């Protein structure tokens, strides 16, 4: 997996495993609505436009939450910040079982969005604390693949829970998972220098040049740097595509291929299994380029270009009548998105000191959620008016090349920021 020197401990990979499982739970709780949407749409009676608003409620609150949690995690630390986030989102996920109207689902999704926004700022900051730069893309790819595992487990488990017990019980059972994770997190996590780990591993973790000490960094001041805007633009243009897959893919497969909740499982499992390889592979490839002597910025951009090109064939999906060819193209695009995601997240810790990473990731994540807020209702209106996914997949296939071009123009060689 890595080129760790002989005799160096591996406790940092325990931390990576914790981040992986948290992200898995995060995405199980996040995806359950998309899986149950065909059933809930009939039972609750919402329209495509109302469903778009329910999705937007999550994304709007997610955007606000990212600003809050980015600041909160930088101020109070990764351990406390992550704990607050997971407790909050577990309660919000279980609360979905209590609502029975479109407004109620919108309210529940808003609560989930605010609280789930703490996952990625906390996880990226934990990686920055526990891994040297040459291992960060791989570690990020591994924990980020939890999103894909969550997306695989959800269609494997949620239909069974729903058919056996009911949709309310499915929300309660999946929401309760976070409380088990919190116990392990509280017991196992702290900063490396505060844990009794192998001194050789601590030295390995802290091998990068020491960052200059400074006072706390107001997140608003980060907007002065073009590197911040590059991250913001990249997330704004590409995060909505992932939201689109997450919330509309089950509905697309139901509409175009007649798949029901009992037959959706296998295609979705195939798609999200592919994304796991994309996430880990994207992180591994970037780290491999660096180990071969390629500059950090160039290695990230090279992998992001490969991923952007792999997304483009999805523009043809709406014209394909064969289910499994469509599944293959969607899986390739979703896998490429996760490879892209592993590297764009790592650019934040490449370009900014550790104490600012949570805030930068929060700003970028907020921008991605705002992009999703725009794309979600637009998707609802397009589908309500045309009934066609053609334009939506064209947008999905071209967004990454546009984003990479904009990021390259903004950052150039992407030199690390020296905060004043």
Protein backbone atom coordinates (compact mmCIF):
# COMPACT_ATOMS: atom_id res chain seq x y z
CA UNK A 1 0.00 0.00 0.00
CA UNK A 2 2.70 2.49 0.95
CA UNK A 3 6.45 2.76 1.02
CA UNK A 4 6.58 3.10 4.78
CA UNK A 5 10.10 2.56 6.12
CA UNK A 6 10.70 -0.72 8.01
CA UNK A 7 10.02 -0.37 11.70
CA UNK A 8 7.59 2.53 11.31
CA UNK A 9 4.25 1.90 13.02
CA UNK A 10 0.88 2.00 11.27
CA UNK A 11 -1.48 3.56 13.81
CA UNK A 12 -2.27 6.33 11.30
CA UNK A 13 -4.07 3.69 9.22
CA UNK A 14 -6.31 2.95 12.21
CA UNK A 15 -7.27 6.63 12.09
CA UNK A 16 -7.87 6.31 8.35
CA UNK A 17 -10.16 3.34 9.03
CA UNK A 18 -12.19 5.43 11.48
CA UNK A 19 -12.59 8.15 8.84
CA UNK A 20 -13.61 5.50 6.30
CA UNK A 21 -16.35 4.08 8.54
CA UNK A 22 -17.68 7.53 9.43
CA UNK A 23 -17.93 8.42 5.75
CA UNK A 24 -19.65 5.08 5.05
CA UNK A 25 -22.31 5.82 7.68
CA UNK A 26 -22.62 9.39 6.40
CA UNK A 27 -23.52 8.15 2.94
CA UNK A 28 -25.89 5.42 4.09
CA UNK A 29 -27.87 8.11 5.94
CA UNK A 30 -27.62 10.43 2.96
CA UNK A 31 -28.63 7.97 0.25
CA UNK A 32 -31.60 6.31 1.88
CA UNK A 33 -33.96 9.05 0.66
CA UNK A 34 -32.93 8.52 -2.97
CA UNK A 35 -33.54 4.79 -2.64
CA UNK A 36 -36.95 5.22 -1.08
CA UNK A 37 -37.97 8.10 -3.38
CA UNK A 38 -40.09 5.97 -5.78
CA UNK A 39 -42.03 4.52 -2.81
CA UNK A 40 -42.28 7.78 -0.88
CA UNK A 41 -43.33 9.69 -3.99
CA UNK A 42 -46.41 7.44 -4.25
CA UNK A 43 -47.12 7.35 -0.52
CA UNK A 44 -46.48 11.03 0.28
CA UNK A 45 -47.58 12.30 -3.14
CA UNK A 46 -44.83 14.80 -3.96
CA UNK A 47 -44.10 16.06 -7.49
CA UNK A 48 -40.73 16.13 -9.27
CA UNK A 49 -40.48 19.83 -8.39
CA UNK A 50 -41.27 19.21 -4.71
CA UNK A 51 -38.67 16.44 -4.63
CA UNK A 52 -36.18 18.92 -6.08
CA UNK A 53 -37.00 21.28 -3.22
CA UNK A 54 -36.53 18.51 -0.63
CA UNK A 55 -33.08 17.79 -2.08
CA UNK A 56 -32.36 21.54 -2.10
CA UNK A 57 -33.28 21.76 1.60
CA UNK A 58 -30.49 19.30 2.36
CA UNK A 59 -27.98 21.10 0.16
CA UNK A 60 -28.82 24.57 1.43
CA UNK A 61 -28.40 23.52 5.05
CA UNK A 62 -25.29 21.55 4.08
CA UNK A 63 -23.80 24.75 2.63
CA UNK A 64 -24.52 26.70 5.80
CA UNK A 65 -23.29 23.85 7.95
CA UNK A 66 -19.96 23.68 6.11
CA UNK A 67 -19.22 27.28 7.01
CA UNK A 68 -20.06 26.56 10.63
CA UNK A 69 -18.24 23.24 10.93
CA UNK A 70 -15.17 24.45 9.01
CA UNK A 71 -14.76 27.19 11.62
CA UNK A 72 -15.84 24.98 14.55
CA UNK A 73 -13.38 22.20 13.73
CA UNK A 74 -10.46 24.59 13.26
CA UNK A 75 -11.32 26.29 16.57
CA UNK A 76 -12.17 23.32 18.81
CA UNK A 77 -10.24 20.54 17.14
CA UNK A 78 -10.95 17.49 15.04
CA UNK A 79 -11.99 15.20 17.89
CA UNK A 80 -14.69 17.46 19.33
CA UNK A 81 -15.85 18.70 15.92
CA UNK A 82 -16.33 15.23 14.48
CA UNK A 83 -18.14 14.02 17.61
CA UNK A 84 -20.65 16.88 17.51
CA UNK A 85 -21.27 16.32 13.80
CA UNK A 86 -21.93 12.57 14.05
CA UNK A 87 -24.20 12.83 17.11
CA UNK A 88 -26.25 15.54 15.41
CA UNK A 89 -26.59 13.79 12.04
CA UNK A 90 -27.53 10.44 13.64
CA UNK A 91 -30.42 12.07 15.50
CA UNK A 92 -31.49 13.94 12.34
CA UNK A 93 -31.39 10.75 10.25
CA UNK A 94 -33.64 8.91 12.71
CA UNK A 95 -36.05 11.88 12.78
CA UNK A 96 -37.06 11.16 9.16
CA UNK A 97 -39.23 8.35 10.52
CA UNK A 98 -41.49 10.91 12.23
CA UNK A 99 -42.54 12.95 9.15
CA UNK A 100 -45.18 12.29 6.49
CA UNK A 101 -45.38 15.43 4.31
CA UNK A 102 -43.07 17.05 1.72
CA UNK A 103 -42.50 19.94 4.17
CA UNK A 104 -41.65 17.47 6.93
CA UNK A 105 -39.12 15.68 4.74
CA UNK A 106 -37.62 19.02 3.73
CA UNK A 107 -37.22 19.95 7.40
CA UNK A 108 -35.66 16.60 8.28
CA UNK A 109 -33.28 16.85 5.32
CA UNK A 110 -32.26 20.34 6.43
CA UNK A 111 -31.31 19.01 9.86
CA UNK A 112 -29.35 16.17 8.29
CA UNK A 113 -27.59 18.54 5.88
CA UNK A 114 -26.31 20.90 8.59
CA UNK A 115 -24.92 18.08 10.69
CA UNK A 116 -23.47 15.88 7.92
CA UNK A 117 -21.47 18.86 6.65
CA UNK A 118 -18.94 18.26 9.43
CA UNK A 119 -17.75 14.95 7.98
CA UNK A 120 -15.38 16.08 5.24
CA UNK A 121 -13.79 19.12 6.95
CA UNK A 122 -13.09 16.92 9.99
CA UNK A 123 -11.79 13.99 7.94
CA UNK A 124 -9.54 16.12 5.73
CA UNK A 125 -8.13 17.86 8.81
CA UNK A 126 -7.52 14.49 10.48
CA UNK A 127 -5.61 13.32 7.40
CA UNK A 128 -3.53 16.52 7.48
CA UNK A 129 -2.74 15.86 11.17
CA UNK A 130 -1.90 12.17 10.78
CA UNK A 131 -0.28 11.80 7.34
CA UNK A 132 2.70 13.35 5.54
CA UNK A 133 1.89 15.01 2.22
CA UNK A 134 3.11 12.08 0.14
CA UNK A 135 0.49 9.79 1.73
CA UNK A 136 -2.43 12.20 1.99
CA UNK A 137 -4.01 11.55 -1.41
CA UNK A 138 -4.00 7.80 -0.76
CA UNK A 139 -5.43 8.23 2.75
CA UNK A 140 -8.05 10.62 1.40
CA UNK A 141 -8.91 8.18 -1.39
CA UNK A 142 -9.35 5.38 1.14
CA UNK A 143 -11.59 7.25 3.56
CA UNK A 144 -13.49 8.90 0.69
CA UNK A 145 -14.23 5.43 -0.70
CA UNK A 146 -16.45 5.05 2.36
CA UNK A 147 -18.95 7.17 0.42
CA UNK A 148 -19.01 4.45 -2.21
CA UNK A 149 -19.24 1.61 0.29
CA UNK A 150 -22.12 3.43 1.97
CA UNK A 151 -23.76 3.79 -1.42
CA UNK A 152 -23.26 0.02 -2.00
CA UNK A 153 -24.53 -1.04 1.42
CA UNK A 154 -27.61 1.16 1.29
CA UNK A 155 -29.25 -0.53 -1.75
CA UNK A 156 -28.24 -3.92 -0.34
CA UNK A 157 -29.83 -3.34 3.09
CA UNK A 158 -32.47 -0.58 2.85
CA UNK A 159 -34.87 -2.44 0.50
CA UNK A 160 -34.86 -5.45 2.85
CA UNK A 161 -35.45 -3.25 5.90
CA UNK A 162 -38.25 -1.42 4.11
CA UNK A 163 -40.04 -4.54 2.86
CA UNK A 164 -39.60 -6.41 6.15
CA UNK A 165 -40.28 -3.65 8.69
CA UNK A 166 -41.31 -0.45 6.86
CA UNK A 167 -39.66 2.73 5.61
CA UNK A 168 -39.77 4.42 9.03
CA UNK A 169 -37.81 1.58 10.60
CA UNK A 170 -35.26 1.78 7.78
CA UNK A 171 -34.51 5.39 8.73
CA UNK A 172 -34.23 4.52 12.43
CA UNK A 173 -31.94 1.52 11.93
CA UNK A 174 -29.49 3.28 9.62
CA UNK A 175 -29.50 6.47 11.69
CA UNK A 176 -28.50 4.57 14.82
CA UNK A 177 -25.20 3.38 13.29
CA UNK A 178 -23.42 6.65 14.08
CA UNK A 179 -23.68 6.13 17.83
CA UNK A 180 -21.58 2.95 17.63
CA UNK A 181 -18.88 4.81 15.69
CA UNK A 182 -18.70 7.62 18.25
CA UNK A 183 -17.58 5.20 20.97
CA UNK A 184 -14.58 4.09 18.89
CA UNK A 185 -13.76 7.65 17.86
CA UNK A 186 -13.66 8.97 21.41
CA UNK A 187 -11.49 6.05 22.55
CA UNK A 188 -9.00 5.98 19.65
CA UNK A 189 -8.53 9.50 18.28
CA UNK A 190 -6.21 12.31 19.31
CA UNK A 191 -3.44 14.30 17.65
CA UNK A 192 -0.33 12.18 16.93
CA UNK A 193 1.80 14.00 19.48
CA UNK A 194 -0.80 13.25 22.15
CA UNK A 195 -1.03 9.52 21.41
CA UNK A 196 1.44 6.92 22.65
CA UNK A 197 2.47 5.81 19.18
CA UNK A 198 5.79 4.52 17.90
CA UNK A 199 8.30 7.43 17.90
CA UNK A 200 9.43 6.37 14.42
CA UNK A 201 5.87 6.71 13.14
CA UNK A 202 5.51 10.14 14.76
CA UNK A 203 8.70 11.24 13.02
CA UNK A 204 7.41 9.83 9.73
CA UNK A 205 4.11 11.72 10.12
CA UNK A 206 5.90 14.98 10.90
CA UNK A 207 8.52 14.71 8.14
CA UNK A 208 7.22 17.71 6.17
CA UNK A 209 8.71 21.15 6.98
CA UNK A 210 7.18 22.69 10.08
CA UNK A 211 4.43 25.21 9.43
CA UNK A 212 4.91 28.73 10.82
CA UNK A 213 2.88 29.42 13.94
CA UNK A 214 0.31 32.19 13.80
CA UNK A 215 -2.86 33.43 15.44
CA UNK A 216 -6.22 31.89 14.57
CA UNK A 217 -7.27 32.44 10.98
CA UNK A 218 -10.65 34.07 10.25
CA UNK A 219 -12.19 32.10 7.40
CA UNK A 220 -13.25 35.30 5.63
CA UNK A 221 -9.58 36.27 5.24
CA UNK A 222 -8.99 33.08 3.23
CA UNK A 223 -11.02 34.59 0.38
CA UNK A 224 -8.05 36.85 -0.40
CA UNK A 225 -6.14 33.93 -1.88
CA UNK A 226 -6.60 32.65 -5.42
CA UNK A 227 -5.86 29.12 -4.18
CA UNK A 228 -9.03 29.32 -2.06
CA UNK A 229 -11.04 30.38 -5.09
CA UNK A 230 -9.62 27.56 -7.18
CA UNK A 231 -10.87 25.04 -4.62
CA UNK A 232 -14.23 26.84 -4.39
CA UNK A 233 -14.74 26.89 -8.16
CA UNK A 234 -13.75 23.23 -8.56
CA UNK A 235 -16.22 22.14 -5.90
CA UNK A 236 -19.00 24.44 -7.15
CA UNK A 237 -18.88 22.96 -10.65
CA UNK A 238 -18.46 19.26 -9.84
CA UNK A 239 -20.14 18.50 -6.49
CA UNK A 240 -23.65 18.98 -7.96
CA UNK A 241 -22.97 16.12 -10.37
CA UNK A 242 -22.41 13.72 -7.48
CA UNK A 243 -25.59 14.97 -5.78
CA UNK A 244 -27.40 14.32 -9.05
CA UNK A 245 -26.21 10.72 -9.11
CA UNK A 246 -27.08 10.21 -5.46
CA UNK A 247 -30.64 11.52 -5.59
CA UNK A 248 -31.80 10.96 -9.16
CA UNK A 249 -30.03 7.78 -10.27
CA UNK A 250 -32.58 5.43 -8.63
CA UNK A 251 -35.39 7.50 -10.19
CA UNK A 252 -33.65 7.42 -13.61
CA UNK A 253 -33.28 3.64 -13.50
CA UNK A 254 -36.89 3.29 -12.37
CA UNK A 255 -38.22 5.52 -15.16
CA UNK A 256 -36.02 4.39 -18.06
CA UNK A 257 -35.62 0.67 -17.26
CA UNK A 258 -38.59 -0.07 -15.01
CA UNK A 259 -36.48 -1.10 -11.99
CA UNK A 260 -38.36 -1.34 -8.68
CA UNK A 261 -36.95 -1.12 -5.15
CA UNK A 262 -36.31 -4.87 -5.20
CA UNK A 263 -34.45 -4.79 -8.56
CA UNK A 264 -32.55 -1.51 -8.10
CA UNK A 265 -30.04 -3.10 -5.74
CA UNK A 266 -27.71 -4.92 -8.15
CA UNK A 267 -27.22 -2.08 -10.69
CA UNK A 268 -26.57 0.41 -7.88
CA UNK A 269 -24.18 -1.97 -6.12
CA UNK A 270 -22.23 -2.39 -9.39
CA UNK A 271 -22.07 1.37 -9.95
CA UNK A 272 -20.93 2.22 -6.44
CA UNK A 273 -18.49 -0.67 -6.27
CA UNK A 274 -16.83 0.86 -9.34
CA UNK A 275 -16.64 4.18 -7.50
CA UNK A 276 -14.68 2.55 -4.68
CA UNK A 277 -11.98 1.56 -7.17
CA UNK A 278 -12.08 5.08 -8.61
CA UNK A 279 -11.62 6.74 -5.23
CA UNK A 280 -8.75 4.55 -4.03
CA UNK A 281 -7.21 4.36 -7.51
CA UNK A 282 -7.27 8.13 -7.95
CA UNK A 283 -5.54 8.64 -4.61
CA UNK A 284 -3.02 5.87 -5.28
CA UNK A 285 -2.15 7.16 -8.76
CA UNK A 286 -1.47 10.68 -7.49
CA UNK A 287 0.78 9.35 -4.72
CA UNK A 288 2.54 7.07 -7.22
CA UNK A 289 3.31 10.03 -9.51
CA UNK A 290 4.78 11.95 -6.56
CA UNK A 291 6.96 9.00 -5.54
CA UNK A 292 8.30 8.87 -9.12
CA UNK A 293 9.45 12.48 -8.78
CA UNK A 294 6.53 14.41 -10.25
CA UNK A 295 5.72 17.72 -8.55
CA UNK A 296 2.77 17.56 -6.14
CA UNK A 297 0.61 20.06 -8.05
CA UNK A 298 1.30 18.44 -11.40
CA UNK A 299 0.49 14.97 -10.09
CA UNK A 300 -2.87 16.12 -8.71
CA UNK A 301 -3.80 17.92 -11.95
CA UNK A 302 -2.70 14.98 -14.12
CA UNK A 303 -4.99 12.58 -12.24
CA UNK A 304 -7.83 15.12 -12.29
CA UNK A 305 -7.47 15.42 -16.08
CA UNK A 306 -7.64 11.63 -16.48
CA UNK A 307 -10.76 11.57 -14.32
CA UNK A 308 -12.39 14.45 -16.23
CA UNK A 309 -11.89 12.60 -19.51
CA UNK A 310 -13.37 9.39 -18.06
CA UNK A 311 -16.56 11.23 -17.13
CA UNK A 312 -17.36 12.51 -20.63
CA UNK A 313 -18.92 9.30 -22.11
CA UNK A 314 -21.87 9.69 -19.74
CA UNK A 315 -23.37 12.22 -22.16
CA UNK A 316 -24.55 9.23 -24.26
CA UNK A 317 -26.39 7.39 -21.44
CA UNK A 318 -29.84 8.78 -22.26
CA UNK A 319 -29.67 7.23 -25.74
CA UNK A 320 -28.73 3.70 -24.57
CA UNK A 321 -31.46 1.08 -24.34
CA UNK A 322 -29.36 -1.66 -22.76
CA UNK A 323 -29.43 -1.43 -18.96
CA UNK A 324 -25.95 -2.83 -18.31
CA UNK A 325 -24.19 -0.66 -20.88
CA UNK A 326 -25.82 2.34 -19.21
CA UNK A 327 -24.77 1.04 -15.79
CA UNK A 328 -21.19 0.66 -17.03
CA UNK A 329 -21.01 4.25 -18.33
CA UNK A 330 -22.61 5.68 -15.20
CA UNK A 331 -20.28 3.61 -13.04
CA UNK A 332 -17.24 4.86 -14.97
CA UNK A 333 -18.35 8.48 -14.55
CA UNK A 334 -19.11 8.05 -10.86
CA UNK A 335 -15.76 6.30 -10.29
CA UNK A 336 -13.99 9.13 -12.09
CA UNK A 337 -15.80 11.64 -9.90
CA UNK A 338 -14.47 9.93 -6.78
CA UNK A 339 -10.93 9.84 -8.18
CA UNK A 340 -11.33 13.55 -8.89
CA UNK A 341 -12.71 14.12 -5.39
CA UNK A 342 -9.78 12.37 -3.68
CA UNK A 343 -7.39 14.73 -5.43
CA UNK A 344 -9.31 18.00 -5.22
CA UNK A 345 -9.72 17.48 -1.46
CA UNK A 346 -5.98 16.89 -1.14
CA UNK A 347 -5.18 20.13 -2.96
CA UNK A 348 -6.58 21.96 0.09
CA UNK A 349 -4.01 20.40 2.42
CA UNK A 350 -1.30 20.83 -0.26
CA UNK A 351 -1.89 24.57 -0.54
CA UNK A 352 -2.82 25.60 3.02
CA UNK A 353 -1.36 25.06 6.51
CA UNK A 354 -3.12 22.45 8.64
CA UNK A 355 -4.85 24.98 10.89
CA UNK A 356 -6.68 26.48 7.89
CA UNK A 357 -7.59 23.23 6.12
CA UNK A 358 -10.96 22.76 7.85
CA UNK A 359 -12.05 26.27 6.91
CA UNK A 360 -10.89 25.95 3.29
CA UNK A 361 -12.65 22.60 2.89
CA UNK A 362 -15.73 24.13 4.50
CA UNK A 363 -15.73 27.03 2.01
CA UNK A 364 -15.29 24.67 -0.93
CA UNK A 365 -17.93 22.28 0.35
CA UNK A 366 -20.31 25.20 0.83
CA UNK A 367 -19.72 26.23 -2.78
CA UNK A 368 -20.42 22.66 -3.92
CA UNK A 369 -23.64 22.62 -1.91
CA UNK A 370 -24.69 25.98 -3.39
CA UNK A 371 -24.04 24.52 -6.84
CA UNK A 372 -26.23 21.60 -5.83
CA UNK A 373 -28.94 23.99 -4.63
CA UNK A 374 -29.01 25.48 -8.11
CA UNK A 375 -28.81 22.15 -9.95
CA UNK A 376 -31.41 20.25 -7.87
CA UNK A 377 -34.47 22.46 -8.50
CA UNK A 378 -33.31 22.94 -12.09
CA UNK A 379 -33.30 19.15 -12.45
CA UNK A 380 -36.80 18.94 -11.00
CA UNK A 381 -38.14 21.59 -13.40
CA UNK A 382 -36.39 20.03 -16.42
CA UNK A 383 -37.83 16.60 -15.66
CA UNK A 384 -41.28 17.96 -14.87
CA UNK A 385 -41.38 19.94 -18.14
CA UNK A 386 -39.55 17.59 -20.55
CA UNK A 387 -39.41 14.18 -18.90
CA UNK A 388 -35.92 13.80 -20.41
CA UNK A 389 -32.49 13.33 -18.81
CA UNK A 390 -30.53 14.21 -21.98
CA UNK A 391 -29.49 17.76 -21.03
CA UNK A 392 -28.71 16.68 -17.46
CA UNK A 393 -26.21 14.06 -18.60
CA UNK A 394 -24.60 16.52 -21.07
CA UNK A 395 -23.98 18.91 -18.18
CA UNK A 396 -22.66 16.04 -16.05
CA UNK A 397 -20.21 14.95 -18.73
CA UNK A 398 -18.67 18.37 -19.36
CA UNK A 399 -18.47 19.93 -15.88
CA UNK A 400 -15.10 18.43 -14.87
CA UNK A 401 -13.11 19.67 -17.86
CA UNK A 402 -14.54 23.15 -17.33
CA UNK A 403 -13.66 22.98 -13.62
CA UNK A 404 -10.11 21.80 -14.24
CA UNK A 405 -9.51 24.57 -16.75
CA UNK A 406 -10.77 27.18 -14.30
CA UNK A 407 -8.68 25.80 -11.43
CA UNK A 408 -5.54 25.75 -13.57
CA UNK A 409 -6.07 29.36 -14.63
CA UNK A 410 -6.53 30.43 -11.00
CA UNK A 411 -3.63 28.59 -9.38
CA UNK A 412 -0.89 28.16 -11.99
CA UNK A 413 1.80 26.21 -10.12
CA UNK A 414 -0.32 26.24 -6.95
CA UNK A 415 2.40 27.33 -4.53
CA UNK A 416 1.58 26.75 -0.85
CA UNK A 417 -0.08 29.73 0.80
CA UNK A 418 1.85 31.67 3.44
CA UNK A 419 -0.86 33.15 5.64
CA UNK A 420 -0.32 36.67 6.90
